Amino acid sequence: MERRDVLKDQIEQLGRVLGKMIAKLLKLKDHEISPSALNDLEQELQDELDLNIDDLLALNDQAVENFLKERKFHWSHFIALSEYLHEAGQIVRGEDAVKAHLYFEKALALLELTDQVTKTISLEREIKKLKSFTRIVEIYHYNHLIL
């Protein structure tokens, strides 16, 4: 019983931290954001959740799943992390198209992973996937990227 309570507390803590980071990111997005502000936010994720965004972006889909499961991420955290990555991609897309592409691609992959883990399809997730996919296509189109 106590082990379950500790695990439940860890899951809730992950959710709170991710929610706080998304709120900060959205607040920053409303203002002129510098790359250092985004780096500071990602350092905070590293410090609080032992989650290095650059490492996450470099992983293939199976490695991402293992990485998040090892850290006891619940599928609902996949969605929150996907939202964070999508918003971060929005912020950097004007300055660093390659990095923005990575953010959007991983946001999309996390939503697809959520579908696999939950064995459900959600209209809300499908809309989020479409938004990330649209941003990926825009990056290719406007920057003529070959990734």
Protein backbone atom coordinates (compact mmCIF):
# COMPACT_ATOMS: atom_id res chain seq x y z
CA MET A 1 0.00 0.00 0.00
CA GLU A 2 2.78 2.44 0.93
CA ARG A 3 4.70 1.61 -2.26
CA ARG A 4 1.61 2.49 -4.29
CA ASP A 5 1.29 5.80 -2.45
CA VAL A 6 4.93 6.66 -3.17
CA LEU A 7 4.48 5.80 -6.84
CA LYS A 8 1.26 7.82 -6.98
CA ASP A 9 3.08 10.78 -5.37
CA GLN A 10 5.89 10.51 -7.94
CA ILE A 11 3.41 10.46 -10.83
CA GLU A 12 1.56 13.47 -9.41
CA GLN A 13 4.86 15.33 -8.92
CA LEU A 14 5.81 14.69 -12.56
CA GLY A 15 2.45 16.06 -13.65
CA ARG A 16 2.81 19.18 -11.50
CA VAL A 17 6.32 19.93 -12.76
CA LEU A 18 5.36 19.40 -16.41
CA GLY A 19 2.28 21.58 -15.94
CA LYS A 20 4.40 24.29 -14.38
CA MET A 21 6.91 24.16 -17.24
CA ILE A 22 4.16 24.38 -19.86
CA ALA A 23 2.64 27.37 -18.08
CA LYS A 24 6.02 29.10 -17.94
CA LEU A 25 6.65 28.34 -21.60
CA LEU A 26 3.27 29.73 -22.63
CA LYS A 27 3.89 32.85 -20.55
CA LEU A 28 7.30 33.30 -22.19
CA LYS A 29 5.77 32.72 -25.62
CA ASP A 30 3.53 35.77 -25.11
CA HIS A 31 6.65 37.94 -24.77
CA GLU A 32 9.83 38.21 -26.77
CA ILE A 33 11.69 35.09 -25.75
CA SER A 34 15.40 34.65 -26.04
CA PRO A 35 17.11 31.33 -26.62
CA SER A 36 18.62 31.66 -23.16
CA ALA A 37 15.14 31.82 -21.58
CA LEU A 38 14.19 28.55 -23.26
CA ASN A 39 17.53 27.07 -22.21
CA ASP A 40 16.84 28.15 -18.61
CA LEU A 41 13.46 26.45 -18.72
CA GLU A 42 14.98 23.28 -20.12
CA GLN A 43 17.65 23.37 -17.41
CA GLU A 44 14.84 23.52 -14.87
CA LEU A 45 13.33 20.38 -16.43
CA GLN A 46 16.75 18.75 -16.17
CA ASP A 47 17.10 19.74 -12.52
CA GLU A 48 13.59 18.82 -11.39
CA LEU A 49 12.83 15.74 -13.51
CA ASP A 50 16.25 14.59 -14.71
CA LEU A 51 14.88 15.19 -18.20
CA ASN A 52 17.35 16.50 -20.74
CA ILE A 53 15.38 17.74 -23.74
CA ASP A 54 18.34 17.57 -26.14
CA ASP A 55 18.92 13.92 -25.16
CA LEU A 56 15.22 13.20 -25.62
CA LEU A 57 15.20 14.80 -29.07
CA ALA A 58 18.10 12.57 -30.13
CA LEU A 59 16.38 9.28 -29.20
CA ASN A 60 14.48 7.05 -31.58
CA ASP A 61 10.85 6.25 -30.77
CA GLN A 62 11.53 2.96 -28.93
CA ALA A 63 14.30 4.56 -26.89
CA VAL A 64 11.97 7.44 -25.98
CA GLU A 65 9.38 4.98 -24.72
CA ASN A 66 11.98 3.16 -22.60
CA PHE A 67 13.45 6.47 -21.39
CA LEU A 68 10.08 7.74 -20.19
CA LYS A 69 8.97 4.44 -18.66
CA GLU A 70 12.22 4.21 -16.69
CA ARG A 71 11.39 7.61 -15.23
CA LYS A 72 7.86 6.44 -14.33
CA PHE A 73 6.10 8.76 -16.76
CA HIS A 74 2.38 8.07 -17.05
CA TRP A 75 0.80 8.30 -20.50
CA SER A 76 -0.82 11.59 -19.49
CA HIS A 77 2.71 12.95 -19.02
CA PHE A 78 3.50 11.99 -22.62
CA ILE A 79 0.76 14.39 -23.69
CA ALA A 80 2.03 17.18 -21.44
CA LEU A 81 5.58 16.68 -22.66
CA SER A 82 4.34 16.67 -26.25
CA GLU A 83 2.60 19.98 -25.62
CA TYR A 84 5.79 21.41 -24.14
CA LEU A 85 7.83 20.28 -27.15
CA HIS A 86 5.29 21.67 -29.61
CA GLU A 87 5.31 25.07 -27.91
CA ALA A 88 9.11 25.10 -27.70
CA GLY A 89 9.21 24.31 -31.42
CA GLN A 90 6.91 27.24 -32.08
CA ILE A 91 9.31 29.51 -30.21
CA VAL A 92 12.49 28.43 -32.00
CA ARG A 93 11.14 27.85 -35.50
CA GLY A 94 12.05 31.33 -36.74
CA GLU A 95 15.62 31.07 -35.50
CA ASP A 96 16.51 27.39 -35.77
CA ALA A 97 14.42 25.40 -38.25
CA VAL A 98 16.33 22.17 -37.64
CA LYS A 99 15.78 22.29 -33.88
CA ALA A 100 12.13 23.27 -34.37
CA HIS A 101 11.71 20.26 -36.65
CA LEU A 102 13.11 18.00 -33.93
CA TYR A 103 10.73 19.46 -31.34
CA PHE A 104 7.68 18.99 -33.58
CA GLU A 105 8.74 15.52 -34.66
CA LYS A 106 9.18 14.36 -31.06
CA ALA A 107 5.88 16.01 -30.02
CA LEU A 108 4.15 14.00 -32.74
CA ALA A 109 5.94 10.78 -31.73
CA LEU A 110 4.86 11.21 -28.10
CA LEU A 111 1.23 11.54 -29.13
CA GLU A 112 1.51 8.41 -31.24
CA LEU A 113 3.13 6.62 -28.30
CA THR A 114 0.20 7.69 -26.14
CA ASP A 115 -2.19 6.09 -28.64
CA GLN A 116 -0.18 2.86 -28.49
CA VAL A 117 0.03 2.77 -24.70
CA THR A 118 -3.62 3.61 -24.09
CA LYS A 119 -4.87 1.57 -27.04
CA THR A 120 -7.26 4.42 -27.75
CA ILE A 121 -7.62 7.21 -30.24
CA SER A 122 -8.55 10.67 -29.06
CA LEU A 123 -9.87 13.44 -31.26
CA GLU A 124 -7.96 15.95 -29.14
CA ARG A 125 -4.69 14.05 -29.67
CA GLU A 126 -5.40 13.71 -33.39
CA ILE A 127 -5.80 17.48 -33.63
CA LYS A 128 -2.52 17.99 -31.76
CA LYS A 129 -0.80 15.52 -34.08
CA LEU A 130 -2.13 17.39 -37.09
CA LYS A 131 -0.78 20.67 -35.70
CA SER A 132 2.69 19.21 -35.16
CA PHE A 133 2.66 17.56 -38.58
CA THR A 134 1.60 20.84 -40.17
CA ARG A 135 4.53 22.64 -38.54
CA ILE A 136 6.93 19.97 -39.82
CA VAL A 137 5.62 20.40 -43.36
CA GLU A 138 5.87 24.19 -43.06
CA ILE A 139 9.49 23.93 -41.99
CA TYR A 140 10.30 21.74 -44.98
CA HIS A 141 8.45 24.04 -47.33
CA TYR A 142 9.80 27.38 -46.09
CA ASN A 143 13.34 26.28 -45.39
CA HIS A 144 13.78 23.62 -48.05
CA LEU A 145 15.22 21.35 -45.40
CA ILE A 146 16.62 17.98 -46.22
CA LEU A 147 16.59 16.15 -42.90
